[in-house]
PDB file of N, CA and C in Angstrom:
ATOM      1  N   MET A   1      40.016 257.768  11.199  1.00  0.00           N
ATOM      2  CA  MET A   1      39.309 257.488  11.953  1.00  0.00           C
ATOM      3  C   MET A   1      38.628 255.995  11.757  1.00  0.00           C
ATOM      4  N   LYS A   2      39.008 255.372  11.028  1.00  0.00           N
ATOM      5  CA  LYS A   2      38.817 253.924  10.886  1.00  0.00           C
ATOM      6  C   LYS A   2      38.589 253.058  12.169  1.00  0.00           C
ATOM      7  N   PHE A   3      39.456 253.411  12.728  1.00  0.00           N
ATOM      8  CA  PHE A   3      39.777 252.726  14.419  1.00  0.00           C
ATOM      9  C   PHE A   3      38.705 253.088  15.039  1.00  0.00           C
ATOM     10  N   GLU A   4      38.187 254.116  15.090  1.00  0.00           N
ATOM     11  CA  GLU A   4      37.081 254.818  15.925  1.00  0.00           C
ATOM     12  C   GLU A   4      35.661 254.378  15.454  1.00  0.00           C
ATOM     13  N   GLU A   5      35.642 254.139  14.345  1.00  0.00           N
ATOM     14  CA  GLU A   5      34.350 253.596  13.764  1.00  0.00           C
ATOM     15  C   GLU A   5      34.240 251.948  14.076  1.00  0.00           C
ATOM     16  N   GLU A   6      35.209 251.473  13.860  1.00  0.00           N
ATOM     17  CA  GLU A   6      35.459 249.935  14.229  1.00  0.00           C
ATOM     18  C   GLU A   6      35.187 249.657  15.731  1.00  0.00           C
ATOM     19  N   ALA A   7      35.862 250.246  16.510  1.00  0.00           N
ATOM     20  CA  ALA A   7      35.375 250.451  18.118  1.00  0.00           C
ATOM     21  C   ALA A   7      34.070 250.825  18.345  1.00  0.00           C
ATOM     22  N   LYS A   8      33.546 251.662  17.891  1.00  0.00           N
ATOM     23  CA  LYS A   8      32.140 251.923  18.307  1.00  0.00           C
ATOM     24  C   LYS A   8      31.138 250.716  17.983  1.00  0.00           C
ATOM     25  N   ASN A   9      31.663 250.132  16.914  1.00  0.00           N
ATOM     26  CA  ASN A   9      30.756 248.816  16.455  1.00  0.00           C
ATOM     27  C   ASN A   9      30.988 247.625  17.694  1.00  0.00           C
ATOM     28  N   LEU A  10      31.838 247.635  18.503  1.00  0.00           N
ATOM     29  CA  LEU A  10      32.299 246.575  19.252  1.00  0.00           C
ATOM     30  C   LEU A  10      32.090 246.987  20.589  1.00  0.00           C
ATOM     31  N   VAL A  11      32.178 248.277  20.837  1.00  0.00           N
ATOM     32  CA  VAL A  11      31.912 248.803  22.349  1.00  0.00           C
ATOM     33  C   VAL A  11      30.503 249.288  22.738  1.00  0.00           C
ATOM     34  N   PRO A  12      30.038 249.049  23.829  1.00  0.00           N
ATOM     35  CA  PRO A  12      28.620 249.462  24.111  1.00  0.00           C
ATOM     36  C   PRO A  12      28.695 251.037  24.079  1.00  0.00           C
ATOM     37  N   LYS A  13      27.801 251.723  23.895  1.00  0.00           N
ATOM     38  CA  LYS A  13      27.475 252.994  23.374  1.00  0.00           C
ATOM     39  C   LYS A  13      28.120 253.666  24.834  1.00  0.00           C
ATOM     40  N   LYS A  14      27.818 253.254  25.922  1.00  0.00           N
ATOM     41  CA  LYS A  14      28.149 253.922  27.261  1.00  0.00           C
ATOM     42  C   LYS A  14      29.493 254.093  27.722  1.00  0.00           C
ATOM     43  N   PHE A  15      30.303 253.472  26.786  1.00  0.00           N
ATOM     44  CA  PHE A  15      31.823 253.369  26.811  1.00  0.00           C
ATOM     45  C   PHE A  15      32.676 254.435  25.570  1.00  0.00           C
ATOM     46  N   HIS A  16      31.646 254.652  24.937  1.00  0.00           N
ATOM     47  CA  HIS A  16      32.317 255.515  23.635  1.00  0.00           C
ATOM     48  C   HIS A  16      33.115 256.743  23.721  1.00  0.00           C
ATOM     49  N   LYS A  17      32.857 257.475  25.104  1.00  0.00           N
ATOM     50  CA  LYS A  17      33.647 258.724  25.403  1.00  0.00           C
ATOM     51  C   LYS A  17      34.905 258.369  25.577  1.00  0.00           C
ATOM     52  N   TRP A  18      35.373 257.259  25.878  1.00  0.00           N
ATOM     53  CA  TRP A  18      36.644 256.787  26.315  1.00  0.00           C
ATOM     54  C   TRP A  18      37.449 256.005  25.233  1.00  0.00           C
ATOM     55  N   ILE A  19      37.106 255.962  24.193  1.00  0.00           N
ATOM     56  CA  ILE A  19      37.422 255.136  22.865  1.00  0.00           C
ATOM     57  C   ILE A  19      38.775 255.665  22.489  1.00  0.00           C
ATOM     58  N   HIS A  20      39.017 256.967  22.717  1.00  0.00           N
ATOM     59  CA  HIS A  20      40.198 257.796  22.372  1.00  0.00           C
ATOM     60  C   HIS A  20      41.526 257.030  22.868  1.00  0.00           C
ATOM     61  N   VAL A  21      41.016 256.732  24.334  1.00  0.00           N
ATOM     62  CA  VAL A  21      42.310 256.236  25.144  1.00  0.00           C
ATOM     63  C   VAL A  21      42.833 255.015  24.617  1.00  0.00           C
ATOM     64  N   PHE A  22      42.294 254.196  23.899  1.00  0.00           N
ATOM     65  CA  PHE A  22      42.745 253.084  23.209  1.00  0.00           C
ATOM     66  C   PHE A  22      43.386 253.219  21.566  1.00  0.00           C
ATOM     67  N   GLU A  23      43.585 254.505  21.294  1.00  0.00           N
ATOM     68  CA  GLU A  23      44.255 254.391  19.915  1.00  0.00           C
ATOM     69  C   GLU A  23      45.853 254.358  20.202  1.00  0.00           C
ATOM     70  N   LYS A  24      46.314 253.839  18.833  1.00  0.00           N
ATOM     71  CA  LYS A  24      47.724 253.442  18.852  1.00  0.00           C
ATOM     72  C   LYS A  24      48.518 254.659  19.573  1.00  0.00           C
ATOM     73  N   LYS A  25      48.409 255.939  19.040  1.00  0.00           N
ATOM     74  CA  LYS A  25      48.917 257.253  19.666  1.00  0.00           C
ATOM     75  C   LYS A  25      49.280 257.287  21.015  1.00  0.00           C
ATOM     76  N   GLN A  26      48.085 257.095  21.702  1.00  0.00           N
ATOM     77  CA  GLN A  26      47.483 257.064  23.323  1.00  0.00           C
ATOM     78  C   GLN A  26      48.503 255.968  23.905  1.00  0.00           C
ATOM     79  N   SER A  27      48.359 254.732  23.233  1.00  0.00           N
ATOM     80  CA  SER A  27      49.003 253.638  23.983  1.00  0.00           C
ATOM     81  C   SER A  27      50.435 253.662  23.975  1.00  0.00           C
ATOM     82  N   LYS A  28      51.204 254.319  23.236  1.00  0.00           N
ATOM     83  CA  LYS A  28      52.495 254.612  23.179  1.00  0.00           C
ATOM     84  C   LYS A  28      52.931 255.764  24.004  1.00  0.00           C
ATOM     85  N   ARG A  29      52.124 256.404  24.492  1.00  0.00           N
ATOM     86  CA  ARG A  29      52.388 257.480  25.765  1.00  0.00           C
ATOM     87  C   ARG A  29      52.883 256.877  27.072  1.00  0.00           C
ATOM     88  N   MET A  30      53.761 257.269  27.724  1.00  0.00           N
ATOM     89  CA  MET A  30      54.409 256.553  28.823  1.00  0.00           C
ATOM     90  C   MET A  30      53.672 257.370  29.858  1.00  0.00           C
ATOM     91  N   LEU A  31      53.334 256.915  31.072  1.00  0.00           N
ATOM     92  CA  LEU A  31      52.888 257.788  32.269  1.00  0.00           C
ATOM     93  C   LEU A  31      53.822 258.495  32.884  1.00  0.00           C
ATOM     94  N   THR A  32      53.701 259.495  33.540  1.00  0.00           N
ATOM     95  CA  THR A  32      54.668 260.001  34.045  1.00  0.00           C
ATOM     96  C   THR A  32      54.747 259.632  35.676  1.00  0.00           C
ATOM     97  N   LYS A  33      56.048 259.653  36.197  1.00  0.00           N
ATOM     98  CA  LYS A  33      56.319 259.353  37.318  1.00  0.00           C
ATOM     99  C   LYS A  33      55.802 259.866  38.406  1.00  0.00           C
ATOM    100  N   LYS A  34      55.414 259.330  39.212  1.00  0.00           N
ATOM    101  CA  LYS A  34      54.877 260.481  40.581  1.00  0.00           C
ATOM    102  C   LYS A  34      55.394 259.796  41.778  1.00  0.00           C
ATOM    103  N   MET A  35      55.396 260.757  42.813  1.00  0.00           N
ATOM    104  CA  MET A  35      56.197 260.504  44.168  1.00  0.00           C
ATOM    105  C   MET A  35      55.540 259.423  44.619  1.00  0.00           C
ATOM    106  N   TRP A  36      54.388 258.855  44.657  1.00  0.00           N
ATOM    107  CA  TRP A  36      53.770 257.901  45.263  1.00  0.00           C
ATOM    108  C   TRP A  36      54.000 256.207  44.312  1.00  0.00           C
ATOM    109  N   ASN A  37      54.637 256.358  43.472  1.00  0.00           N
ATOM    110  CA  ASN A  37      55.219 255.136  42.452  1.00  0.00           C
ATOM    111  C   ASN A  37      56.366 254.537  43.650  1.00  0.00           C
ATOM    112  N   TYR A  38      56.190 253.251  43.901  1.00  0.00           N
ATOM    113  CA  TYR A  38      57.365 252.868  44.739  1.00  0.00           C
ATOM    114  C   TYR A  38      57.318 251.138  44.744  1.00  0.00           C
ATOM    115  N   ALA A  39      58.423 250.647  44.974  1.00  0.00           N
ATOM    116  CA  ALA A  39      58.282 249.211  45.147  1.00  0.00           C
ATOM    117  C   ALA A  39      58.217 248.732  46.600  1.00  0.00           C
ATOM    118  N   ILE A  40      57.556 247.516  46.530  1.00  0.00           N
ATOM    119  CA  ILE A  40      57.225 246.745  47.908  1.00  0.00           C
ATOM    120  C   ILE A  40      58.581 245.986  48.316  1.00  0.00           C
ATOM    121  N   GLU A  41      59.681 246.586  49.138  1.00  0.00           N
ATOM    122  CA  GLU A  41      60.650 245.710  49.419  1.00  0.00           C
ATOM    123  C   GLU A  41      60.487 244.398  50.316  1.00  0.00           C
ATOM    124  N   THR A  42      60.942 243.183  50.352  1.00  0.00           N
ATOM    125  CA  THR A  42      60.381 242.193  50.897  1.00  0.00           C
ATOM    126  C   THR A  42      61.866 241.865  51.698  1.00  0.00           C
ATOM    127  N   LYS A  43      61.923 241.185  52.498  1.00  0.00           N
ATOM    128  CA  LYS A  43      63.000 240.410  53.376  1.00  0.00           C
ATOM    129  C   LYS A  43      63.378 239.336  52.636  1.00  0.00           C
ATOM    130  N   LYS A  44      64.985 239.070  52.457  1.00  0.00           N
ATOM    131  CA  LYS A  44      65.477 238.217  51.490  1.00  0.00           C
ATOM    132  C   LYS A  44      65.000 236.666  51.919  1.00  0.00           C
ATOM    133  N   GLU A  45      64.633 236.441  52.872  1.00  0.00           N
ATOM    134  CA  GLU A  45      63.948 234.825  53.232  1.00  0.00           C
ATOM    135  C   GLU A  45      62.672 234.756  52.913  1.00  0.00           C
ATOM    136  N   PHE A  46      61.894 235.930  52.564  1.00  0.00           N
ATOM    137  CA  PHE A  46      60.625 235.858  52.230  1.00  0.00           C
ATOM    138  C   PHE A  46      60.348 234.981  51.200  1.00  0.00           C
ATOM    139  N   MET A  47      59.332 233.946  51.096  1.00  0.00           N
ATOM    140  CA  MET A  47      58.846 232.975  50.054  1.00  0.00           C
ATOM    141  C   MET A  47      57.543 233.091  50.038  1.00  0.00           C
ATOM    142  N   PRO A  48      56.952 233.548  48.893  1.00  0.00           N
ATOM    143  CA  PRO A  48      55.399 233.774  48.400  1.00  0.00           C
ATOM    144  C   PRO A  48      54.652 232.219  49.011  1.00  0.00           C
ATOM    145  N   ARG A  49      53.588 232.394  49.411  1.00  0.00           N
ATOM    146  CA  ARG A  49      52.894 230.997  49.579  1.00  0.00           C
ATOM    147  C   ARG A  49      51.941 230.882  48.517  1.00  0.00           C
ATOM    148  N   LYS A  50      51.554 229.455  48.270  1.00  0.00           N
ATOM    149  CA  LYS A  50      50.513 228.982  47.395  1.00  0.00           C
ATOM    150  C   LYS A  50      49.504 228.827  47.893  1.00  0.00           C
ATOM    151  N   GLY A  51      48.151 229.643  47.312  1.00  0.00           N
ATOM    152  CA  GLY A  51      46.919 229.220  48.250  1.00  0.00           C
ATOM    153  C   GLY A  51      45.935 230.239  47.332  1.00  0.00           C
ATOM    154  N   LYS A  52      44.920 229.809  48.015  1.00  0.00           N
ATOM    155  CA  LYS A  52      43.759 231.004  47.407  1.00  0.00           C
ATOM    156  C   LYS A  52      43.784 232.163  47.992  1.00  0.00           C
ATOM    157  N   MET A  53      43.294 233.224  47.256  1.00  0.00           N
ATOM    158  CA  MET A  53      43.254 234.663  47.597  1.00  0.00           C
ATOM    159  C   MET A  53      41.984 234.423  48.360  1.00  0.00           C
ATOM    160  N   TYR A  54      40.847 234.199  48.143  1.00  0.00           N
ATOM    161  CA  TYR A  54      39.700 234.281  48.974  1.00  0.00           C
ATOM    162  C   TYR A  54      38.927 233.177  48.300  1.00  0.00           C
ATOM    163  N   SER A  55      37.932 232.826  48.867  1.00  0.00           N
ATOM    164  CA  SER A  55      37.098 231.794  48.618  1.00  0.00           C
ATOM    165  C   SER A  55      35.690 232.231  47.983  1.00  0.00           C
ATOM    166  N   LEU A  56      35.646 231.163  46.775  1.00  0.00           N
ATOM    167  CA  LEU A  56      34.373 231.475  45.796  1.00  0.00           C
ATOM    168  C   LEU A  56      33.165 230.780  46.316  1.00  0.00           C
ATOM    169  N   LEU A  57      31.911 231.268  45.888  1.00  0.00           N
ATOM    170  CA  LEU A  57      30.732 230.730  46.320  1.00  0.00           C
ATOM    171  C   LEU A  57      30.571 229.671  45.475  1.00  0.00           C
ATOM    172  N   ARG A  58      29.931 228.712  45.805  1.00  0.00           N
ATOM    173  CA  ARG A  58      29.411 227.648  44.629  1.00  0.00           C
ATOM    174  C   ARG A  58      29.199 227.768  43.148  1.00  0.00           C
ATOM    175  N   GLU A  59      28.330 229.031  43.201  1.00  0.00           N
ATOM    176  CA  GLU A  59      28.029 229.373  41.994  1.00  0.00           C
ATOM    177  C   GLU A  59      29.026 229.927  41.086  1.00  0.00           C
ATOM    178  N   GLU A  60      30.037 230.454  41.747  1.00  0.00           N
ATOM    179  CA  GLU A  60      31.056 231.178  40.989  1.00  0.00           C
ATOM    180  C   GLU A  60      32.088 230.001  40.403  1.00  0.00           C
ATOM    181  N   ARG A  61      32.215 229.198  41.387  1.00  0.00           N
ATOM    182  CA  ARG A  61      33.098 227.686  40.925  1.00  0.00           C
ATOM    183  C   ARG A  61      32.400 227.067  40.058  1.00  0.00           C
ATOM    184  N   ARG A  62      31.313 226.984  40.017  1.00  0.00           N
ATOM    185  CA  ARG A  62      30.539 226.459  38.804  1.00  0.00           C
ATOM    186  C   ARG A  62      30.872 227.119  37.375  1.00  0.00           C
ATOM    187  N   ASP A  63      30.756 228.500  37.508  1.00  0.00           N
ATOM    188  CA  ASP A  63      30.848 229.168  36.408  1.00  0.00           C
ATOM    189  C   ASP A  63      32.274 229.152  35.685  1.00  0.00           C
ATOM    190  N   MET A  64      33.149 228.473  36.269  1.00  0.00           N
ATOM    191  CA  MET A  64      34.607 228.778  35.837  1.00  0.00           C
ATOM    192  C   MET A  64      34.791 227.549  34.974  1.00  0.00           C
TER     193      MET A  64
END
C-alpha cells in the first residue's frame, strides 16, 4: 500500500477514489476489444497538411 499512500500525498483529495486505476497491476491489464474499435481508412494519395488545428487567444499564446 506504499504506492497508495504516496499517491494520496501527490493527488488532490477529490481524485483519491481513482488512485487504484494507476497501480502497476491495473496498468498491465489490456482493454477488451469492442465492436466500435476501428481504423480510419485513408486514400493512398492522402497527405496530411501541416497547420494549426484551431486559433488560440492572445492570452493563451502568451502562456505558452
